[in-house]
Amino acid sequence: MNNRKWLITAGVFTLVLTGSAGVYAGTKLETIKAYLNHGLSIEVNGQKFTPKGDQGTKLAPITYDGSTYLPVRSIAEALDTDVKYDAKNNKVSIGSSSFSGGSSSNNAGESKSPSTEMNTQASGVKSKYLPADFPFPKDAKATSLIESTVDGNKKVSLTYTTKESLLTIGTSYKNYYLTKNLTQNSEDIQTDEFNIIGREEGKYAVTITGSMSADNEELNEITVIWGEE
């Protein structure tokens, strides 16, 4: 098989999901014979790119039946595109709908999905250390941001305000961390407050809390404590 170079632009790419334990719980899996294509080089927006998994291991494209498939999360993150795996519904979402959190109503006319509010491009929050795909409400405005490095580990203490509901934000963060390989995870999400704690052993720990602002009853206040280990 001849080696080929793929040029990937931010608007067009064909992807498949890489190994997530929840995928194998499905009932529509089919055994195939495929090949790891170690000879295929990849460029993203003109730059050489090597897909990597959550543990930093190199991921190779897979060639099957004349088509080559790339790991969706690694490529999407390189293109600054949201991606979410919904284990309950066995579904992958790519793009702005990634943070819907599965909360769209079963009845027309009821609550809207938080996908219209959560993204990774909030102009009011500029963090250098938080993960590139960490979601924010579109109207998020930082009131406090402290970033530091302790023994080579990045640390972030962030507080921001938003008019988005606490239930929407809490659910979005809950679903965001469902896509991560957390060894510890707990959440308590109410209409008037939420608390989310997560940890990927040896990599990072995070605590996110939300409550009504004491200074402005029209705003909610979200605090994010995140740090590498």
Protein backbone atom coordinates (compact mmCIF):
# COMPACT_ATOMS: atom_id res chain seq x y z
CA MET A 1 0.00 0.00 0.00
CA ASN A 2 1.40 3.37 -0.99
CA ASN A 3 1.91 5.95 1.74
CA ARG A 4 -0.24 9.03 1.37
CA LYS A 5 -0.31 12.42 3.13
CA TRP A 6 -3.65 13.75 4.25
CA LEU A 7 -4.20 17.52 4.40
CA ILE A 8 -6.95 18.32 6.90
CA THR A 9 -8.62 21.74 7.07
CA ALA A 10 -10.75 23.03 9.91
CA GLY A 11 -14.00 22.48 8.05
CA VAL A 12 -13.78 19.00 6.52
CA PHE A 13 -12.67 15.68 8.00
CA THR A 14 -13.88 12.07 8.27
CA LEU A 15 -13.43 10.48 11.68
CA VAL A 16 -14.23 7.52 13.89
CA LEU A 17 -14.28 7.29 17.67
CA THR A 18 -11.28 5.71 19.39
CA GLY A 19 -11.49 3.10 22.13
CA SER A 20 -13.89 4.13 24.84
CA ALA A 21 -15.05 1.40 27.19
CA GLY A 22 -18.68 2.39 26.71
CA VAL A 23 -18.55 1.75 22.99
CA TYR A 24 -18.13 -1.99 23.45
CA ALA A 25 -21.32 -2.22 25.46
CA GLY A 26 -23.33 -1.68 22.27
CA THR A 27 -25.31 -4.42 20.52
CA LYS A 28 -24.51 -3.47 16.92
CA LEU A 29 -20.79 -4.23 16.85
CA GLU A 30 -19.38 -6.23 13.96
CA THR A 31 -15.97 -7.92 13.89
CA ILE A 32 -13.79 -6.76 10.98
CA LYS A 33 -10.21 -7.18 9.83
CA ALA A 34 -8.50 -3.81 9.63
CA TYR A 35 -4.92 -2.48 9.56
CA LEU A 36 -3.05 0.09 11.61
CA ASN A 37 -1.62 2.41 8.96
CA HIS A 38 1.69 3.54 10.47
CA GLY A 39 2.89 4.87 7.11
CA LEU A 40 0.25 7.59 6.75
CA SER A 41 1.41 11.08 7.72
CA ILE A 42 -1.12 13.74 8.76
CA GLU A 43 -1.12 17.51 8.49
CA VAL A 44 -3.59 19.76 10.29
CA ASN A 45 -3.86 23.26 8.84
CA GLY A 46 -0.47 22.85 7.18
CA GLN A 47 1.34 21.54 10.27
CA LYS A 48 2.55 17.99 10.86
CA PHE A 49 0.33 16.30 13.42
CA THR A 50 0.58 13.06 15.40
CA PRO A 51 -2.69 11.86 17.01
CA LYS A 52 -2.31 10.84 20.63
CA GLY A 53 -4.55 9.13 23.16
CA ASP A 54 -5.46 10.22 26.69
CA GLN A 55 -2.27 8.68 28.07
CA GLY A 56 -0.09 10.38 25.46
CA THR A 57 0.36 7.23 23.40
CA LYS A 58 0.68 7.62 19.63
CA LEU A 59 -2.45 6.62 17.70
CA ALA A 60 -2.19 5.23 14.18
CA PRO A 61 -4.88 5.66 11.49
CA ILE A 62 -6.89 2.54 10.68
CA THR A 63 -7.33 1.35 7.09
CA TYR A 64 -10.32 -0.84 6.30
CA ASP A 65 -12.00 -1.76 3.02
CA GLY A 66 -10.29 0.99 1.04
CA SER A 67 -11.01 3.79 3.55
CA THR A 68 -8.75 5.24 6.22
CA TYR A 69 -10.16 6.35 9.60
CA LEU A 70 -8.64 8.80 12.06
CA PRO A 71 -9.14 9.06 15.86
CA VAL A 72 -11.96 11.54 16.31
CA ARG A 73 -11.05 13.14 19.63
CA SER A 74 -7.41 13.80 18.82
CA ILE A 75 -8.20 15.30 15.41
CA ALA A 76 -11.15 17.34 16.67
CA GLU A 77 -9.08 18.85 19.47
CA ALA A 78 -6.34 19.74 16.97
CA LEU A 79 -8.97 21.57 14.93
CA ASP A 80 -10.36 23.28 18.06
CA THR A 81 -13.68 21.54 17.49
CA ASP A 82 -15.92 20.27 20.28
CA VAL A 83 -16.42 16.51 20.48
CA LYS A 84 -18.54 14.50 22.92
CA TYR A 85 -19.28 10.81 23.35
CA ASP A 86 -22.73 10.08 24.75
CA ALA A 87 -22.33 6.61 26.29
CA LYS A 88 -26.01 6.32 27.21
CA ASN A 89 -27.18 6.83 23.63
CA ASN A 90 -24.02 5.41 21.99
CA LYS A 91 -23.58 8.60 19.96
CA VAL A 92 -20.70 10.87 18.96
CA SER A 93 -21.34 14.61 18.52
CA ILE A 94 -18.84 16.86 16.74
CA GLY A 95 -19.16 20.65 16.71
CA SER A 96 -21.20 23.07 18.80
CA SER A 97 -23.80 20.45 19.72
CA SER A 98 -21.17 18.54 21.69
CA PHE A 99 -22.24 20.14 24.96
CA SER A 100 -25.94 19.44 24.65
CA GLY A 101 -25.59 17.20 27.70
CA GLY A 102 -28.50 15.14 26.46
CA SER A 103 -30.89 17.65 27.96
CA SER A 104 -32.94 18.48 24.90
CA SER A 105 -36.59 18.01 25.72
CA ASN A 106 -38.69 15.05 24.59
CA ASN A 107 -41.58 17.46 24.05
CA ALA A 108 -41.47 20.25 21.52
CA GLY A 109 -41.40 23.74 22.98
CA GLU A 110 -39.80 22.82 26.32
CA SER A 111 -36.29 23.55 27.62
CA LYS A 112 -33.61 24.32 25.05
CA SER A 113 -30.34 22.43 24.87
CA PRO A 114 -27.31 24.05 26.54
CA SER A 115 -25.45 23.47 23.27
CA THR A 116 -26.57 26.97 22.31
CA GLU A 117 -24.81 28.40 25.33
CA MET A 118 -21.68 26.35 26.04
CA ASN A 119 -18.54 26.50 23.91
CA THR A 120 -14.77 26.80 24.19
CA GLN A 121 -14.55 30.34 22.84
CA ALA A 122 -15.92 32.51 25.65
CA SER A 123 -14.43 35.96 25.03
CA GLY A 124 -14.64 36.89 28.70
CA VAL A 125 -12.36 34.07 29.89
CA LYS A 126 -8.74 33.76 28.76
CA SER A 127 -7.03 30.84 30.47
CA LYS A 128 -3.64 29.59 29.31
CA TYR A 129 -3.67 26.41 31.37
CA LEU A 130 -7.19 24.96 31.26
CA PRO A 131 -7.68 22.21 28.62
CA ALA A 132 -8.39 23.57 25.14
CA ASP A 133 -11.81 21.90 25.06
CA PHE A 134 -12.92 23.12 28.49
CA PRO A 135 -16.42 24.59 27.94
CA PHE A 136 -17.79 27.96 29.01
CA PRO A 137 -21.12 29.74 28.56
CA LYS A 138 -20.92 32.25 25.73
CA ASP A 139 -21.49 35.15 28.11
CA ALA A 140 -18.94 33.98 30.70
CA LYS A 141 -16.95 36.84 32.24
CA ALA A 142 -14.00 36.16 34.53
CA THR A 143 -14.04 38.01 37.84
CA SER A 144 -10.95 36.26 39.19
CA LEU A 145 -8.23 34.24 37.44
CA ILE A 146 -5.04 32.99 39.07
CA GLU A 147 -2.72 30.74 37.07
CA SER A 148 0.56 29.41 38.39
CA THR A 149 3.05 26.59 38.12
CA VAL A 150 3.96 24.58 41.23
CA ASP A 151 6.76 22.02 40.93
CA GLY A 152 6.20 22.03 37.19
CA ASN A 153 2.44 21.41 37.48
CA LYS A 154 -0.04 23.94 36.11
CA LYS A 155 -2.67 25.30 38.50
CA VAL A 156 -5.80 27.35 37.80
CA SER A 157 -8.21 29.13 40.11
CA LEU A 158 -10.99 30.77 38.09
CA THR A 159 -14.27 32.45 38.99
CA TYR A 160 -16.64 33.68 36.31
CA THR A 161 -20.21 34.97 36.08
CA THR A 162 -22.96 34.08 33.62
CA LYS A 163 -26.68 34.49 33.10
CA GLU A 164 -27.00 30.85 32.05
CA SER A 165 -28.88 28.62 34.50
CA LEU A 166 -26.96 26.59 37.05
CA LEU A 167 -28.78 23.43 35.97
CA THR A 168 -27.66 23.90 32.36
CA ILE A 169 -24.04 24.62 33.27
CA GLY A 170 -23.81 21.83 35.83
CA THR A 171 -25.26 19.31 33.38
CA SER A 172 -22.88 20.45 30.64
CA TYR A 173 -19.83 20.00 32.88
CA LYS A 174 -21.13 16.64 34.06
CA ASN A 175 -21.42 15.41 30.48
CA TYR A 176 -18.07 16.94 29.56
CA TYR A 177 -16.32 14.85 32.21
CA LEU A 178 -18.18 11.72 31.16
CA THR A 179 -15.93 11.80 28.08
CA LYS A 180 -12.77 11.78 30.21
CA ASN A 181 -11.00 8.82 31.81
CA LEU A 182 -11.64 9.88 35.40
CA THR A 183 -10.69 7.55 38.22
CA GLN A 184 -12.75 9.59 40.68
CA ASN A 185 -15.90 11.50 39.79
CA SER A 186 -18.91 12.85 41.68
CA GLU A 187 -21.52 15.48 41.03
CA ASP A 188 -24.44 17.09 42.83
CA ILE A 189 -26.49 19.27 40.50
CA GLN A 190 -29.48 21.27 41.72
CA THR A 191 -31.43 24.17 40.23
CA ASP A 192 -29.85 26.64 42.68
CA GLU A 193 -26.33 25.18 42.98
CA PHE A 194 -24.04 22.44 41.77
CA ASN A 195 -20.78 20.78 42.79
CA ILE A 196 -18.63 18.63 40.50
CA ILE A 197 -15.42 16.87 41.55
CA GLY A 198 -13.23 14.87 39.21
CA ARG A 199 -9.75 13.37 39.14
CA GLU A 200 -7.71 11.47 36.60
CA GLU A 201 -5.06 9.82 38.75
CA GLY A 202 -1.58 11.11 38.10
CA LYS A 203 -2.78 13.71 35.60
CA TYR A 204 -5.14 16.32 37.08
CA ALA A 205 -7.89 17.06 39.57
CA VAL A 206 -10.78 19.50 39.19
CA THR A 207 -13.54 20.99 41.33
CA ILE A 208 -16.33 23.09 39.80
CA THR A 209 -18.97 24.79 41.93
CA GLY A 210 -21.86 27.03 40.94
CA SER A 211 -24.25 29.23 42.91
CA MET A 212 -26.18 32.46 42.63
CA SER A 213 -24.07 35.61 42.71
CA ALA A 214 -24.19 37.46 46.01
CA ASP A 215 -23.65 40.78 44.20
CA ASN A 216 -26.10 40.50 41.31
CA GLU A 217 -29.26 38.41 41.46
CA GLU A 218 -29.34 38.20 37.66
CA LEU A 219 -26.01 36.39 37.53
CA ASN A 220 -24.69 33.02 38.60
CA GLU A 221 -21.13 32.53 39.82
CA ILE A 222 -19.00 29.57 38.78
CA THR A 223 -15.67 28.66 40.39
CA VAL A 224 -13.20 26.27 38.75
CA ILE A 225 -10.22 24.86 40.63
CA TRP A 226 -8.06 22.78 38.29
CA GLY A 227 -4.53 21.47 38.68
CA GLU A 228 -2.09 18.99 37.22
CA GLU A 229 -0.68 16.27 39.46
